[in-house]
Amino acid sequence: MKISDGFDARRLRPKGQGSWRMRIIAAISAVLATAGVLLAMAGVASLIGNPVALGELNASPAGAVVTVIVGLLMLYVGIWFWRRSRRRRRRAGELNMSPHLMKKHD
C-alpha cells in the first residue's frame, strides 16, 4: 500500500483540549465515594454498639440502618460517576478514523 505525500498521521488524533472538567468530576466523585464509606462505617459502628460515631443522628438502630443505606448509596453513586468520567477521559484519546476505513468483520 502506497502512502500518499499529503498524509499526516497527526490528523488522526484530535487536538488535546484540557480535560479539567472530567478531572474535577472524578475528584468530586472520589470524595463522594470516600464520604459514603465513612458514613457506612459510622452506621455499622452504631449498629455494633458504639453510637457516638455521629451523635444523635444514629442513636437508634433504625437511624443507624438508614445511615448505612445512605452511605452505601453514596459509595455506589461516587464509584459510578468516577468510572463514567474516567471512561469519557479515555475515549477522548481515540483515533478519528472514518468508518469506511475500518476492517469489515462479517
C-alpha atoms as a PDB file:
ATOM      1  CA  MET A   1       0.000   0.000   0.000  1.00  0.00           C
ATOM      2  CA  LYS A   2       1.430   3.318  -1.020  1.00  0.00           C
ATOM      3  CA  ILE A   3       1.257   6.253   1.383  1.00  0.00           C
ATOM      4  CA  SER A   4       0.395   9.459  -0.385  1.00  0.00           C
ATOM      5  CA  ASP A   5       2.511  12.561   0.015  1.00  0.00           C
ATOM      6  CA  GLY A   6      -0.289  14.538   1.666  1.00  0.00           C
ATOM      7  CA  PHE A   7      -0.768  12.018   4.500  1.00  0.00           C
ATOM      8  CA  ASP A   8      -0.314  13.390   8.008  1.00  0.00           C
ATOM      9  CA  ALA A   9      -0.725  10.924  10.885  1.00  0.00           C
ATOM     10  CA  ARG A  10      -1.232  13.747  13.393  1.00  0.00           C
ATOM     11  CA  ARG A  11      -4.637  14.460  11.831  1.00  0.00           C
ATOM     12  CA  LEU A  12      -5.916  11.104  13.063  1.00  0.00           C
ATOM     13  CA  ARG A  13      -5.724  12.169  16.698  1.00  0.00           C
ATOM     14  CA  PRO A  14      -7.857  15.074  17.862  1.00  0.00           C
ATOM     15  CA  LYS A  15      -6.306  18.145  19.367  1.00  0.00           C
ATOM     16  CA  GLY A  16      -5.897  17.629  23.062  1.00  0.00           C
ATOM     17  CA  GLN A  17      -8.185  20.006  24.870  1.00  0.00           C
ATOM     18  CA  GLY A  18      -7.978  20.390  28.594  1.00  0.00           C
ATOM     19  CA  SER A  19      -9.945  17.729  30.393  1.00  0.00           C
ATOM     20  CA  TRP A  20     -10.209  19.729  33.607  1.00  0.00           C
ATOM     21  CA  ARG A  21     -13.945  19.264  33.783  1.00  0.00           C
ATOM     22  CA  MET A  22     -13.637  15.470  33.775  1.00  0.00           C
ATOM     23  CA  ARG A  23     -10.821  15.630  36.309  1.00  0.00           C
ATOM     24  CA  ILE A  24     -12.887  17.790  38.643  1.00  0.00           C
ATOM     25  CA  ILE A  25     -15.857  15.432  38.278  1.00  0.00           C
ATOM     26  CA  ALA A  26     -13.572  12.483  39.030  1.00  0.00           C
ATOM     27  CA  ALA A  27     -12.216  14.234  42.128  1.00  0.00           C
ATOM     28  CA  ILE A  28     -15.708  15.102  43.379  1.00  0.00           C
ATOM     29  CA  SER A  29     -16.869  11.540  42.804  1.00  0.00           C
ATOM     30  CA  ALA A  30     -13.848  10.186  44.711  1.00  0.00           C
ATOM     31  CA  VAL A  31     -14.714  12.472  47.631  1.00  0.00           C
ATOM     32  CA  LEU A  32     -18.343  11.307  47.412  1.00  0.00           C
ATOM     33  CA  ALA A  33     -17.268   7.653  47.490  1.00  0.00           C
ATOM     34  CA  THR A  34     -14.966   8.313  50.451  1.00  0.00           C
ATOM     35  CA  ALA A  35     -17.751  10.066  52.337  1.00  0.00           C
ATOM     36  CA  GLY A  36     -20.024   7.122  51.562  1.00  0.00           C
ATOM     37  CA  VAL A  37     -17.514   4.665  53.013  1.00  0.00           C
ATOM     38  CA  LEU A  38     -17.089   6.758  56.149  1.00  0.00           C
ATOM     39  CA  LEU A  39     -20.837   7.174  56.601  1.00  0.00           C
ATOM     40  CA  ALA A  40     -21.439   3.453  56.151  1.00  0.00           C
ATOM     41  CA  MET A  41     -18.680   2.653  58.648  1.00  0.00           C
ATOM     42  CA  ALA A  42     -20.226   5.054  61.172  1.00  0.00           C
ATOM     43  CA  GLY A  43     -23.607   3.373  60.716  1.00  0.00           C
ATOM     44  CA  VAL A  44     -22.115  -0.092  61.161  1.00  0.00           C
ATOM     45  CA  ALA A  45     -20.255   1.086  64.273  1.00  0.00           C
ATOM     46  CA  SER A  46     -23.544   2.350  65.648  1.00  0.00           C
ATOM     47  CA  LEU A  47     -25.220  -0.983  64.919  1.00  0.00           C
ATOM     48  CA  ILE A  48     -22.412  -2.904  66.611  1.00  0.00           C
ATOM     49  CA  GLY A  49     -22.768  -0.893  69.783  1.00  0.00           C
ATOM     50  CA  ASN A  50     -20.826   2.371  69.648  1.00  0.00           C
ATOM     51  CA  PRO A  51     -23.492   5.004  68.871  1.00  0.00           C
ATOM     52  CA  VAL A  52     -21.280   8.056  69.465  1.00  0.00           C
ATOM     53  CA  ALA A  53     -19.983   7.996  65.886  1.00  0.00           C
ATOM     54  CA  LEU A  54     -22.493  10.584  64.633  1.00  0.00           C
ATOM     55  CA  GLY A  55     -24.082  11.693  67.886  1.00  0.00           C
ATOM     56  CA  GLU A  56     -27.870  11.850  67.891  1.00  0.00           C
ATOM     57  CA  LEU A  57     -28.134  11.113  64.160  1.00  0.00           C
ATOM     58  CA  ASN A  58     -27.800   7.377  64.557  1.00  0.00           C
ATOM     59  CA  ALA A  59     -28.523   6.778  68.236  1.00  0.00           C
ATOM     60  CA  SER A  60     -31.360   4.364  67.389  1.00  0.00           C
ATOM     61  CA  PRO A  61     -30.984   1.158  65.371  1.00  0.00           C
ATOM     62  CA  ALA A  62     -33.379   2.449  62.705  1.00  0.00           C
ATOM     63  CA  GLY A  63     -31.284   5.616  62.295  1.00  0.00           C
ATOM     64  CA  ALA A  64     -28.143   3.506  62.052  1.00  0.00           C
ATOM     65  CA  VAL A  65     -29.655   1.363  59.300  1.00  0.00           C
ATOM     66  CA  VAL A  66     -30.650   4.494  57.389  1.00  0.00           C
ATOM     67  CA  THR A  67     -27.105   5.818  57.819  1.00  0.00           C
ATOM     68  CA  VAL A  68     -25.631   2.586  56.430  1.00  0.00           C
ATOM     69  CA  ILE A  69     -28.009   2.611  53.459  1.00  0.00           C
ATOM     70  CA  VAL A  70     -27.285   6.267  52.668  1.00  0.00           C
ATOM     71  CA  GLY A  71     -23.539   5.615  52.969  1.00  0.00           C
ATOM     72  CA  LEU A  72     -23.669   2.644  50.612  1.00  0.00           C
ATOM     73  CA  LEU A  73     -25.783   4.633  48.170  1.00  0.00           C
ATOM     74  CA  MET A  74     -23.250   7.488  48.234  1.00  0.00           C
ATOM     75  CA  LEU A  75     -20.450   4.970  47.671  1.00  0.00           C
ATOM     76  CA  TYR A  76     -22.255   3.461  44.686  1.00  0.00           C
ATOM     77  CA  VAL A  77     -23.013   6.845  43.109  1.00  0.00           C
ATOM     78  CA  GLY A  78     -19.428   8.035  43.668  1.00  0.00           C
ATOM     79  CA  ILE A  79     -17.952   4.953  42.004  1.00  0.00           C
ATOM     80  CA  TRP A  80     -20.435   5.209  39.139  1.00  0.00           C
ATOM     81  CA  PHE A  81     -19.566   8.868  38.464  1.00  0.00           C
ATOM     82  CA  TRP A  82     -15.846   8.145  38.767  1.00  0.00           C
ATOM     83  CA  ARG A  83     -15.981   5.286  36.269  1.00  0.00           C
ATOM     84  CA  ARG A  84     -18.102   7.349  33.865  1.00  0.00           C
ATOM     85  CA  SER A  85     -15.759  10.336  33.956  1.00  0.00           C
ATOM     86  CA  ARG A  86     -12.732   8.086  33.554  1.00  0.00           C
ATOM     87  CA  ARG A  87     -14.329   6.380  30.553  1.00  0.00           C
ATOM     88  CA  ARG A  88     -15.014   9.762  28.937  1.00  0.00           C
ATOM     89  CA  ARG A  89     -11.462  10.921  29.560  1.00  0.00           C
ATOM     90  CA  ARG A  90     -10.078   7.769  27.938  1.00  0.00           C
ATOM     91  CA  ARG A  91     -12.443   7.996  24.985  1.00  0.00           C
ATOM     92  CA  ALA A  92     -11.134  11.456  24.094  1.00  0.00           C
ATOM     93  CA  GLY A  93      -7.775   9.955  23.038  1.00  0.00           C
ATOM     94  CA  GLU A  94      -9.163   7.598  20.408  1.00  0.00           C
ATOM     95  CA  LEU A  95      -8.370   7.870  16.742  1.00  0.00           C
ATOM     96  CA  ASN A  96     -10.671   9.839  14.479  1.00  0.00           C
ATOM     97  CA  MET A  97     -10.981   7.433  11.579  1.00  0.00           C
ATOM     98  CA  SER A  98     -13.770   7.219   9.073  1.00  0.00           C
ATOM     99  CA  PRO A  99     -15.995   4.145   9.409  1.00  0.00           C
ATOM    100  CA  HIS A 100     -15.291   3.056   5.843  1.00  0.00           C
ATOM    101  CA  LEU A 101     -11.565   2.738   6.617  1.00  0.00           C
ATOM    102  CA  MET A 102     -12.126   0.178   9.345  1.00  0.00           C
ATOM    103  CA  LYS A 103     -11.970  -3.547   8.598  1.00  0.00           C
ATOM    104  CA  LYS A 104     -15.250  -5.223   7.907  1.00  0.00           C
ATOM    105  CA  HIS A 105     -15.936  -8.182  10.169  1.00  0.00           C
ATOM    106  CA  ASP A 106     -18.645 -10.336   8.586  1.00  0.00           C
END
